[in-house]
Amino acid sequence: MPSNETYLLADDPPSEQPRKELMLAQKLLDWLQHWSKPTISTRDIHIYGPNSIRDRESAINSAQTLVDCGWLIPLKAHRRDMHKWQVVRRPIVHPNVAT
């Protein structure tokens, strides 16, 4: 008596990609708390940033996550292939990406 019905007892396991992006963005946010300048660019992240986000794609993705959360404000750069952001300073001891 097999039937053609399909039962889903559990959802698919969550993807690791969004979790990894949040972890990298949190690393960047923690590092930005020690950054003394009011602005930051992808070049600054490449040279001085955490080792895990020193490639261009990770730096831009992490910064975009921080823009979405309100920790960075995008600025107009003098070159079209350059990204630049203003760092938002908040009086929080241990900042979190989600706040």
PDB file of N, CA and C in Angstrom:
ATOM      1  N   MET A   1       0.787  -1.188   0.000  1.00  0.00           N
ATOM      2  CA  MET A   1       0.000   0.000   0.000  1.00  0.00           C
ATOM      3  C   MET A   1       0.841   1.268   0.000  1.00  0.00           C
ATOM      4  N   PRO A   2       1.852   1.340  -0.762  1.00  0.00           N
ATOM      5  CA  PRO A   2       2.632   2.575  -0.827  1.00  0.00           C
ATOM      6  C   PRO A   2       1.811   3.676  -1.508  1.00  0.00           C
ATOM      7  N   SER A   3       1.996   4.865  -1.000  1.00  0.00           N
ATOM      8  CA  SER A   3       1.305   6.013  -1.589  1.00  0.00           C
ATOM      9  C   SER A   3       2.343   6.976  -2.167  1.00  0.00           C
ATOM     10  N   ASN A   4       1.866   7.910  -2.911  1.00  0.00           N
ATOM     11  CA  ASN A   4       2.755   8.888  -3.545  1.00  0.00           C
ATOM     12  C   ASN A   4       2.968  10.126  -2.680  1.00  0.00           C
ATOM     13  N   GLU A   5       2.536  10.076  -1.438  1.00  0.00           N
ATOM     14  CA  GLU A   5       2.679  11.227  -0.556  1.00  0.00           C
ATOM     15  C   GLU A   5       4.103  11.309  -0.013  1.00  0.00           C
ATOM     16  N   THR A   6       4.584  12.514   0.115  1.00  0.00           N
ATOM     17  CA  THR A   6       5.911  12.751   0.660  1.00  0.00           C
ATOM     18  C   THR A   6       5.762  13.560   1.938  1.00  0.00           C
ATOM     19  N   TYR A   7       6.451  13.137   2.969  1.00  0.00           N
ATOM     20  CA  TYR A   7       6.378  13.835   4.252  1.00  0.00           C
ATOM     21  C   TYR A   7       7.730  14.454   4.560  1.00  0.00           C
ATOM     22  N   LEU A   8       7.698  15.706   4.899  1.00  0.00           N
ATOM     23  CA  LEU A   8       8.910  16.398   5.317  1.00  0.00           C
ATOM     24  C   LEU A   8       8.845  16.580   6.824  1.00  0.00           C
ATOM     25  N   LEU A   9       9.690  15.880   7.531  1.00  0.00           N
ATOM     26  CA  LEU A   9       9.675  15.943   8.984  1.00  0.00           C
ATOM     27  C   LEU A   9      10.589  17.034   9.524  1.00  0.00           C
ATOM     28  N   ALA A  10      11.535  17.423   8.748  1.00  0.00           N
ATOM     29  CA  ALA A  10      12.455  18.469   9.189  1.00  0.00           C
ATOM     30  C   ALA A  10      12.876  19.296   7.985  1.00  0.00           C
ATOM     31  N   ASP A  11      13.192  20.526   8.255  1.00  0.00           N
ATOM     32  CA  ASP A  11      13.686  21.400   7.189  1.00  0.00           C
ATOM     33  C   ASP A  11      15.119  21.023   6.851  1.00  0.00           C
ATOM     34  N   ASP A  12      15.578  21.536   5.729  1.00  0.00           N
ATOM     35  CA  ASP A  12      16.970  21.329   5.350  1.00  0.00           C
ATOM     36  C   ASP A  12      17.866  22.006   6.387  1.00  0.00           C
ATOM     37  N   PRO A  13      19.042  21.462   6.614  1.00  0.00           N
ATOM     38  CA  PRO A  13      19.936  22.114   7.576  1.00  0.00           C
ATOM     39  C   PRO A  13      20.335  23.499   7.063  1.00  0.00           C
ATOM     40  N   PRO A  14      20.528  24.451   7.963  1.00  0.00           N
ATOM     41  CA  PRO A  14      20.868  25.806   7.530  1.00  0.00           C
ATOM     42  C   PRO A  14      22.214  25.836   6.834  1.00  0.00           C
ATOM     43  N   SER A  15      22.326  26.716   5.886  1.00  0.00           N
ATOM     44  CA  SER A  15      23.559  26.853   5.127  1.00  0.00           C
ATOM     45  C   SER A  15      24.639  27.491   6.003  1.00  0.00           C
ATOM     46  N   GLU A  16      25.877  27.087   5.801  1.00  0.00           N
ATOM     47  CA  GLU A  16      26.995  27.637   6.557  1.00  0.00           C
ATOM     48  C   GLU A  16      27.438  28.985   6.000  1.00  0.00           C
ATOM     49  N   GLN A  17      27.050  29.331   4.787  1.00  0.00           N
ATOM     50  CA  GLN A  17      27.516  30.560   4.149  1.00  0.00           C
ATOM     51  C   GLN A  17      27.102  31.815   4.919  1.00  0.00           C
ATOM     52  N   PRO A  18      25.822  32.011   5.285  1.00  0.00           N
ATOM     53  CA  PRO A  18      25.482  33.230   6.023  1.00  0.00           C
ATOM     54  C   PRO A  18      26.154  33.301   7.394  1.00  0.00           C
ATOM     55  N   ARG A  19      26.314  32.174   8.041  1.00  0.00           N
ATOM     56  CA  ARG A  19      26.969  32.154   9.351  1.00  0.00           C
ATOM     57  C   ARG A  19      28.435  32.558   9.228  1.00  0.00           C
ATOM     58  N   LYS A  20      29.096  32.075   8.186  1.00  0.00           N
ATOM     59  CA  LYS A  20      30.498  32.423   7.966  1.00  0.00           C
ATOM     60  C   LYS A  20      30.632  33.907   7.658  1.00  0.00           C
ATOM     61  N   GLU A  21      29.719  34.449   6.865  1.00  0.00           N
ATOM     62  CA  GLU A  21      29.765  35.876   6.539  1.00  0.00           C
ATOM     63  C   GLU A  21      29.586  36.721   7.797  1.00  0.00           C
ATOM     64  N   LEU A  22      28.691  36.307   8.690  1.00  0.00           N
ATOM     65  CA  LEU A  22      28.504  37.045   9.933  1.00  0.00           C
ATOM     66  C   LEU A  22      29.736  36.955  10.832  1.00  0.00           C
ATOM     67  N   MET A  23      30.391  35.813  10.845  1.00  0.00           N
ATOM     68  CA  MET A  23      31.598  35.670  11.651  1.00  0.00           C
ATOM     69  C   MET A  23      32.712  36.573  11.132  1.00  0.00           C
ATOM     70  N   LEU A  24      32.861  36.652   9.803  1.00  0.00           N
ATOM     71  CA  LEU A  24      33.877  37.523   9.226  1.00  0.00           C
ATOM     72  C   LEU A  24      33.541  38.988   9.464  1.00  0.00           C
ATOM     73  N   ALA A  25      32.261  39.332   9.364  1.00  0.00           N
ATOM     74  CA  ALA A  25      31.846  40.706   9.627  1.00  0.00           C
ATOM     75  C   ALA A  25      32.089  41.063  11.095  1.00  0.00           C
ATOM     76  N   GLN A  26      31.870  40.118  11.996  1.00  0.00           N
ATOM     77  CA  GLN A  26      32.129  40.364  13.420  1.00  0.00           C
ATOM     78  C   GLN A  26      33.619  40.573  13.660  1.00  0.00           C
ATOM     79  N   LYS A  27      34.468  39.811  12.974  1.00  0.00           N
ATOM     80  CA  LYS A  27      35.912  40.014  13.097  1.00  0.00           C
ATOM     81  C   LYS A  27      36.304  41.405  12.630  1.00  0.00           C
ATOM     82  N   LEU A  28      35.732  41.842  11.525  1.00  0.00           N
ATOM     83  CA  LEU A  28      36.021  43.174  11.013  1.00  0.00           C
ATOM     84  C   LEU A  28      35.539  44.240  11.991  1.00  0.00           C
ATOM     85  N   LEU A  29      34.357  44.053  12.558  1.00  0.00           N
ATOM     86  CA  LEU A  29      33.826  45.015  13.520  1.00  0.00           C
ATOM     87  C   LEU A  29      34.702  45.093  14.768  1.00  0.00           C
ATOM     88  N   ASP A  30      35.153  43.951  15.263  1.00  0.00           N
ATOM     89  CA  ASP A  30      36.047  43.944  16.423  1.00  0.00           C
ATOM     90  C   ASP A  30      37.353  44.667  16.106  1.00  0.00           C
ATOM     91  N   TRP A  31      37.870  44.452  14.912  1.00  0.00           N
ATOM     92  CA  TRP A  31      39.109  45.103  14.506  1.00  0.00           C
ATOM     93  C   TRP A  31      38.899  46.603  14.323  1.00  0.00           C
ATOM     94  N   LEU A  32      37.746  47.007  13.823  1.00  0.00           N
ATOM     95  CA  LEU A  32      37.470  48.429  13.604  1.00  0.00           C
ATOM     96  C   LEU A  32      37.431  49.221  14.905  1.00  0.00           C
ATOM     97  N   GLN A  33      37.195  48.557  16.026  1.00  0.00           N
ATOM     98  CA  GLN A  33      37.178  49.264  17.306  1.00  0.00           C
ATOM     99  C   GLN A  33      38.564  49.803  17.662  1.00  0.00           C
ATOM    100  N   HIS A  34      39.611  49.238  17.064  1.00  0.00           N
ATOM    101  CA  HIS A  34      40.980  49.699  17.297  1.00  0.00           C
ATOM    102  C   HIS A  34      41.482  50.599  16.175  1.00  0.00           C
ATOM    103  N   TRP A  35      40.696  50.777  15.133  1.00  0.00           N
ATOM    104  CA  TRP A  35      41.072  51.617  13.998  1.00  0.00           C
ATOM    105  C   TRP A  35      40.881  53.076  14.404  1.00  0.00           C
ATOM    106  N   SER A  36      41.918  53.885  14.302  1.00  0.00           N
ATOM    107  CA  SER A  36      41.863  55.245  14.825  1.00  0.00           C
ATOM    108  C   SER A  36      41.346  56.273  13.823  1.00  0.00           C
ATOM    109  N   LYS A  37      41.315  55.937  12.547  1.00  0.00           N
ATOM    110  CA  LYS A  37      40.884  56.901  11.533  1.00  0.00           C
ATOM    111  C   LYS A  37      39.362  56.875  11.382  1.00  0.00           C
ATOM    112  N   PRO A  38      38.771  57.975  10.917  1.00  0.00           N
ATOM    113  CA  PRO A  38      37.303  58.016  10.781  1.00  0.00           C
ATOM    114  C   PRO A  38      36.780  57.277   9.552  1.00  0.00           C
ATOM    115  N   THR A  39      37.642  56.994   8.582  1.00  0.00           N
ATOM    116  CA  THR A  39      37.218  56.276   7.378  1.00  0.00           C
ATOM    117  C   THR A  39      38.116  55.070   7.159  1.00  0.00           C
ATOM    118  N   ILE A  40      37.611  54.149   6.344  1.00  0.00           N
ATOM    119  CA  ILE A  40      38.382  52.953   6.003  1.00  0.00           C
ATOM    120  C   ILE A  40      38.082  52.587   4.557  1.00  0.00           C
ATOM    121  N   SER A  41      39.061  52.024   3.891  1.00  0.00           N
ATOM    122  CA  SER A  41      38.887  51.585   2.506  1.00  0.00           C
ATOM    123  C   SER A  41      39.258  50.111   2.397  1.00  0.00           C
ATOM    124  N   THR A  42      38.966  49.528   1.230  1.00  0.00           N
ATOM    125  CA  THR A  42      39.326  48.124   1.038  1.00  0.00           C
ATOM    126  C   THR A  42      40.841  47.947   1.114  1.00  0.00           C
ATOM    127  N   ARG A  43      41.570  48.927   0.667  1.00  0.00           N
ATOM    128  CA  ARG A  43      43.032  48.838   0.728  1.00  0.00           C
ATOM    129  C   ARG A  43      43.514  48.771   2.178  1.00  0.00           C
ATOM    130  N   ASP A  44      42.900  49.571   3.055  1.00  0.00           N
ATOM    131  CA  ASP A  44      43.259  49.524   4.476  1.00  0.00           C
ATOM    132  C   ASP A  44      42.982  48.146   5.070  1.00  0.00           C
ATOM    133  N   ILE A  45      41.854  47.564   4.688  1.00  0.00           N
ATOM    134  CA  ILE A  45      41.521  46.232   5.195  1.00  0.00           C
ATOM    135  C   ILE A  45      42.504  45.200   4.662  1.00  0.00           C
ATOM    136  N   HIS A  46      42.905  45.331   3.392  1.00  0.00           N
ATOM    137  CA  HIS A  46      43.890  44.411   2.806  1.00  0.00           C
ATOM    138  C   HIS A  46      45.207  44.458   3.567  1.00  0.00           C
ATOM    139  N   ILE A  47      45.656  45.659   3.902  1.00  0.00           N
ATOM    140  CA  ILE A  47      46.979  45.817   4.501  1.00  0.00           C
ATOM    141  C   ILE A  47      46.960  45.567   6.005  1.00  0.00           C
ATOM    142  N   TYR A  48      45.998  46.169   6.710  1.00  0.00           N
ATOM    143  CA  TYR A  48      46.035  46.164   8.164  1.00  0.00           C
ATOM    144  C   TYR A  48      44.986  45.275   8.825  1.00  0.00           C
ATOM    145  N   GLY A  49      44.006  44.813   8.083  1.00  0.00           N
ATOM    146  CA  GLY A  49      42.873  44.088   8.658  1.00  0.00           C
ATOM    147  C   GLY A  49      43.207  42.688   9.136  1.00  0.00           C
ATOM    148  N   PRO A  50      42.214  42.011   9.693  1.00  0.00           N
ATOM    149  CA  PRO A  50      42.416  40.624  10.131  1.00  0.00           C
ATOM    150  C   PRO A  50      42.803  39.730   8.951  1.00  0.00           C
ATOM    151  N   ASN A  51      43.619  38.739   9.212  1.00  0.00           N
ATOM    152  CA  ASN A  51      44.127  37.873   8.138  1.00  0.00           C
ATOM    153  C   ASN A  51      43.023  37.156   7.373  1.00  0.00           C
ATOM    154  N   SER A  52      41.951  36.799   8.037  1.00  0.00           N
ATOM    155  CA  SER A  52      40.905  36.017   7.376  1.00  0.00           C
ATOM    156  C   SER A  52      40.086  36.820   6.376  1.00  0.00           C
ATOM    157  N   ILE A  53      40.174  38.140   6.393  1.00  0.00           N
ATOM    158  CA  ILE A  53      39.400  38.940   5.436  1.00  0.00           C
ATOM    159  C   ILE A  53      40.291  39.860   4.616  1.00  0.00           C
ATOM    160  N   ARG A  54      41.506  39.465   4.376  1.00  0.00           N
ATOM    161  CA  ARG A  54      42.408  40.313   3.603  1.00  0.00           C
ATOM    162  C   ARG A  54      42.254  40.160   2.092  1.00  0.00           C
ATOM    163  N   ASP A  55      41.411  39.263   1.630  1.00  0.00           N
ATOM    164  CA  ASP A  55      41.170  39.210   0.189  1.00  0.00           C
ATOM    165  C   ASP A  55      40.014  40.154  -0.143  1.00  0.00           C
ATOM    166  N   ARG A  56      39.957  40.595  -1.379  1.00  0.00           N
ATOM    167  CA  ARG A  56      39.017  41.637  -1.797  1.00  0.00           C
ATOM    168  C   ARG A  56      37.559  41.247  -1.574  1.00  0.00           C
ATOM    169  N   GLU A  57      37.199  40.041  -1.956  1.00  0.00           N
ATOM    170  CA  GLU A  57      35.805  39.605  -1.861  1.00  0.00           C
ATOM    171  C   GLU A  57      35.337  39.548  -0.401  1.00  0.00           C
ATOM    172  N   SER A  58      36.137  38.968   0.468  1.00  0.00           N
ATOM    173  CA  SER A  58      35.757  38.879   1.878  1.00  0.00           C
ATOM    174  C   SER A  58      35.679  40.256   2.523  1.00  0.00           C
ATOM    175  N   ALA A  59      36.603  41.138   2.166  1.00  0.00           N
ATOM    176  CA  ALA A  59      36.600  42.480   2.730  1.00  0.00           C
ATOM    177  C   ALA A  59      35.352  43.246   2.324  1.00  0.00           C
ATOM    178  N   ILE A  60      34.994  43.177   1.061  1.00  0.00           N
ATOM    179  CA  ILE A  60      33.819  43.896   0.581  1.00  0.00           C
ATOM    180  C   ILE A  60      32.543  43.295   1.150  1.00  0.00           C
ATOM    181  N   ASN A  61      32.435  41.974   1.188  1.00  0.00           N
ATOM    182  CA  ASN A  61      31.246  41.323   1.738  1.00  0.00           C
ATOM    183  C   ASN A  61      31.078  41.627   3.228  1.00  0.00           C
ATOM    184  N   SER A  62      32.166  41.585   3.980  1.00  0.00           N
ATOM    185  CA  SER A  62      32.094  41.883   5.409  1.00  0.00           C
ATOM    186  C   SER A  62      31.713  43.340   5.641  1.00  0.00           C
ATOM    187  N   ALA A  63      32.291  44.228   4.863  1.00  0.00           N
ATOM    188  CA  ALA A  63      31.954  45.647   4.992  1.00  0.00           C
ATOM    189  C   ALA A  63      30.502  45.896   4.611  1.00  0.00           C
ATOM    190  N   GLN A  64      30.002  45.207   3.596  1.00  0.00           N
ATOM    191  CA  GLN A  64      28.607  45.374   3.204  1.00  0.00           C
ATOM    192  C   GLN A  64      27.668  44.895   4.304  1.00  0.00           C
ATOM    193  N   THR A  65      28.033  43.822   4.984  1.00  0.00           N
ATOM    194  CA  THR A  65      27.239  43.352   6.115  1.00  0.00           C
ATOM    195  C   THR A  65      27.212  44.411   7.216  1.00  0.00           C
ATOM    196  N   LEU A  66      28.352  45.056   7.463  1.00  0.00           N
ATOM    197  CA  LEU A  66      28.404  46.111   8.468  1.00  0.00           C
ATOM    198  C   LEU A  66      27.626  47.347   8.026  1.00  0.00           C
ATOM    199  N   VAL A  67      27.585  47.616   6.726  1.00  0.00           N
ATOM    200  CA  VAL A  67      26.751  48.711   6.211  1.00  0.00           C
ATOM    201  C   VAL A  67      25.286  48.403   6.477  1.00  0.00           C
ATOM    202  N   ASP A  68      24.875  47.169   6.209  1.00  0.00           N
ATOM    203  CA  ASP A  68      23.481  46.769   6.431  1.00  0.00           C
ATOM    204  C   ASP A  68      23.090  46.869   7.900  1.00  0.00           C
ATOM    205  N   CYS A  69      24.062  46.648   8.808  1.00  0.00           N
ATOM    206  CA  CYS A  69      23.781  46.702  10.241  1.00  0.00           C
ATOM    207  C   CYS A  69      23.991  48.099  10.826  1.00  0.00           C
ATOM    208  N   GLY A  70      24.479  49.031  10.036  1.00  0.00           N
ATOM    209  CA  GLY A  70      24.629  50.409  10.496  1.00  0.00           C
ATOM    210  C   GLY A  70      25.968  50.744  11.126  1.00  0.00           C
ATOM    211  N   TRP A  71      26.970  49.899  10.999  1.00  0.00           N
ATOM    212  CA  TRP A  71      28.284  50.170  11.570  1.00  0.00           C
ATOM    213  C   TRP A  71      29.203  50.916  10.614  1.00  0.00           C
ATOM    214  N   LEU A  72      28.923  50.871   9.323  1.00  0.00           N
ATOM    215  CA  LEU A  72      29.686  51.599   8.319  1.00  0.00           C
ATOM    216  C   LEU A  72      28.730  52.380   7.436  1.00  0.00           C
ATOM    217  N   ILE A  73      29.200  53.537   6.945  1.00  0.00           N
ATOM    218  CA  ILE A  73      28.415  54.351   6.014  1.00  0.00           C
ATOM    219  C   ILE A  73      29.232  54.457   4.731  1.00  0.00           C
ATOM    220  N   PRO A  74      28.662  54.048   3.583  1.00  0.00           N
ATOM    221  CA  PRO A  74      29.429  54.128   2.333  1.00  0.00           C
ATOM    222  C   PRO A  74      29.686  55.576   1.920  1.00  0.00           C
ATOM    223  N   LEU A  75      30.888  55.816   1.441  1.00  0.00           N
ATOM    224  CA  LEU A  75      31.280  57.131   0.941  1.00  0.00           C
ATOM    225  C   LEU A  75      31.646  57.027  -0.528  1.00  0.00           C
ATOM    226  N   LYS A  76      31.567  58.156  -1.209  1.00  0.00           N
ATOM    227  CA  LYS A  76      31.958  58.175  -2.612  1.00  0.00           C
ATOM    228  C   LYS A  76      33.481  58.235  -2.685  1.00  0.00           C
ATOM    229  N   ALA A  77      34.067  57.297  -3.401  1.00  0.00           N
ATOM    230  CA  ALA A  77      35.519  57.236  -3.549  1.00  0.00           C
ATOM    231  C   ALA A  77      35.933  57.989  -4.808  1.00  0.00           C
ATOM    232  N   HIS A  78      37.193  58.350  -4.884  1.00  0.00           N
ATOM    233  CA  HIS A  78      37.674  59.094  -6.041  1.00  0.00           C
ATOM    234  C   HIS A  78      37.956  58.198  -7.252  1.00  0.00           C
ATOM    235  N   ARG A  79      37.891  56.903  -7.068  1.00  0.00           N
ATOM    236  CA  ARG A  79      38.030  55.952  -8.177  1.00  0.00           C
ATOM    237  C   ARG A  79      36.816  55.043  -8.192  1.00  0.00           C
ATOM    238  N   ARG A  80      36.429  54.594  -9.386  1.00  0.00           N
ATOM    239  CA  ARG A  80      35.235  53.765  -9.469  1.00  0.00           C
ATOM    240  C   ARG A  80      35.456  52.336  -8.985  1.00  0.00           C
ATOM    241  N   ASP A  81      36.691  51.877  -8.927  1.00  0.00           N
ATOM    242  CA  ASP A  81      36.977  50.524  -8.465  1.00  0.00           C
ATOM    243  C   ASP A  81      37.409  50.491  -6.988  1.00  0.00           C
ATOM    244  N   MET A  82      37.203  51.599  -6.290  1.00  0.00           N
ATOM    245  CA  MET A  82      37.599  51.702  -4.889  1.00  0.00           C
ATOM    246  C   MET A  82      36.357  51.798  -4.011  1.00  0.00           C
ATOM    247  N   HIS A  83      36.425  51.204  -2.832  1.00  0.00           N
ATOM    248  CA  HIS A  83      35.332  51.276  -1.862  1.00  0.00           C
ATOM    249  C   HIS A  83      35.847  51.981  -0.623  1.00  0.00           C
ATOM    250  N   LYS A  84      35.026  52.871  -0.080  1.00  0.00           N
ATOM    251  CA  LYS A  84      35.419  53.632   1.094  1.00  0.00           C
ATOM    252  C   LYS A  84      34.200  53.793   1.996  1.00  0.00           C
ATOM    253  N   TRP A  85      34.424  53.699   3.313  1.00  0.00           N
ATOM    254  CA  TRP A  85      33.333  53.778   4.275  1.00  0.00           C
ATOM    255  C   TRP A  85      33.719  54.674   5.442  1.00  0.00           C
ATOM    256  N   GLN A  86      32.713  55.295   6.040  1.00  0.00           N
ATOM    257  CA  GLN A  86      32.903  56.031   7.285  1.00  0.00           C
ATOM    258  C   GLN A  86      32.563  55.085   8.433  1.00  0.00           C
ATOM    259  N   VAL A  87      33.405  55.065   9.441  1.00  0.00           N
ATOM    260  CA  VAL A  87      33.207  54.181  10.590  1.00  0.00           C
ATOM    261  C   VAL A  87      32.269  54.873  11.572  1.00  0.00           C
ATOM    262  N   VAL A  88      31.216  54.166  11.980  1.00  0.00           N
ATOM    263  CA  VAL A  88      30.267  54.687  12.968  1.00  0.00           C
ATOM    264  C   VAL A  88      30.747  54.249  14.348  1.00  0.00           C
ATOM    265  N   ARG A  89      30.985  55.220  15.204  1.00  0.00           N
ATOM    266  CA  ARG A  89      31.445  54.938  16.571  1.00  0.00           C
ATOM    267  C   ARG A  89      30.242  54.963  17.499  1.00  0.00           C
ATOM    268  N   ARG A  90      30.086  53.911  18.279  1.00  0.00           N
ATOM    269  CA  ARG A  90      29.015  53.823  19.274  1.00  0.00           C
ATOM    270  C   ARG A  90      29.633  53.466  20.616  1.00  0.00           C
ATOM    271  N   PRO A  91      29.113  54.004  21.705  1.00  0.00           N
ATOM    272  CA  PRO A  91      29.684  53.699  23.018  1.00  0.00           C
ATOM    273  C   PRO A  91      29.228  52.351  23.568  1.00  0.00           C
ATOM    274  N   ILE A  92      29.687  51.288  22.913  1.00  0.00           N
ATOM    275  CA  ILE A  92      29.330  49.928  23.303  1.00  0.00           C
ATOM    276  C   ILE A  92      30.637  49.191  23.607  1.00  0.00           C
ATOM    277  N   VAL A  93      30.667  48.478  24.726  1.00  0.00           N
ATOM    278  CA  VAL A  93      31.903  47.809  25.148  1.00  0.00           C
ATOM    279  C   VAL A  93      32.247  46.655  24.210  1.00  0.00           C
ATOM    280  N   HIS A  94      31.334  45.736  24.001  1.00  0.00           N
ATOM    281  CA  HIS A  94      31.551  44.604  23.104  1.00  0.00           C
ATOM    282  C   HIS A  94      30.523  44.678  21.981  1.00  0.00           C
ATOM    283  N   PRO A  95      30.833  45.373  20.895  1.00  0.00           N
ATOM    284  CA  PRO A  95      29.834  45.537  19.827  1.00  0.00           C
ATOM    285  C   PRO A  95      29.530  44.214  19.131  1.00  0.00           C
ATOM    286  N   ASN A  96      28.300  44.093  18.687  1.00  0.00           N
ATOM    287  CA  ASN A  96      27.846  42.913  17.988  1.00  0.00           C
ATOM    288  C   ASN A  96      27.317  43.355  16.641  1.00  0.00           C
ATOM    289  N   VAL A  97      27.484  42.538  15.626  1.00  0.00           N
ATOM    290  CA  VAL A  97      27.016  42.878  14.286  1.00  0.00           C
ATOM    291  C   VAL A  97      25.512  43.096  14.289  1.00  0.00           C
ATOM    292  N   ALA A  98      24.782  42.317  15.064  1.00  0.00           N
ATOM    293  CA  ALA A  98      23.326  42.378  15.054  1.00  0.00           C
ATOM    294  C   ALA A  98      22.782  43.626  15.741  1.00  0.00           C
ATOM    295  N   THR A  99      23.594  44.338  16.550  1.00  0.00           N
ATOM    296  CA  THR A  99      23.074  45.525  17.245  1.00  0.00           C
ATOM    297  C   THR A  99      23.192  46.758  16.412  1.00  0.00           C
TER     298      THR A  99
END
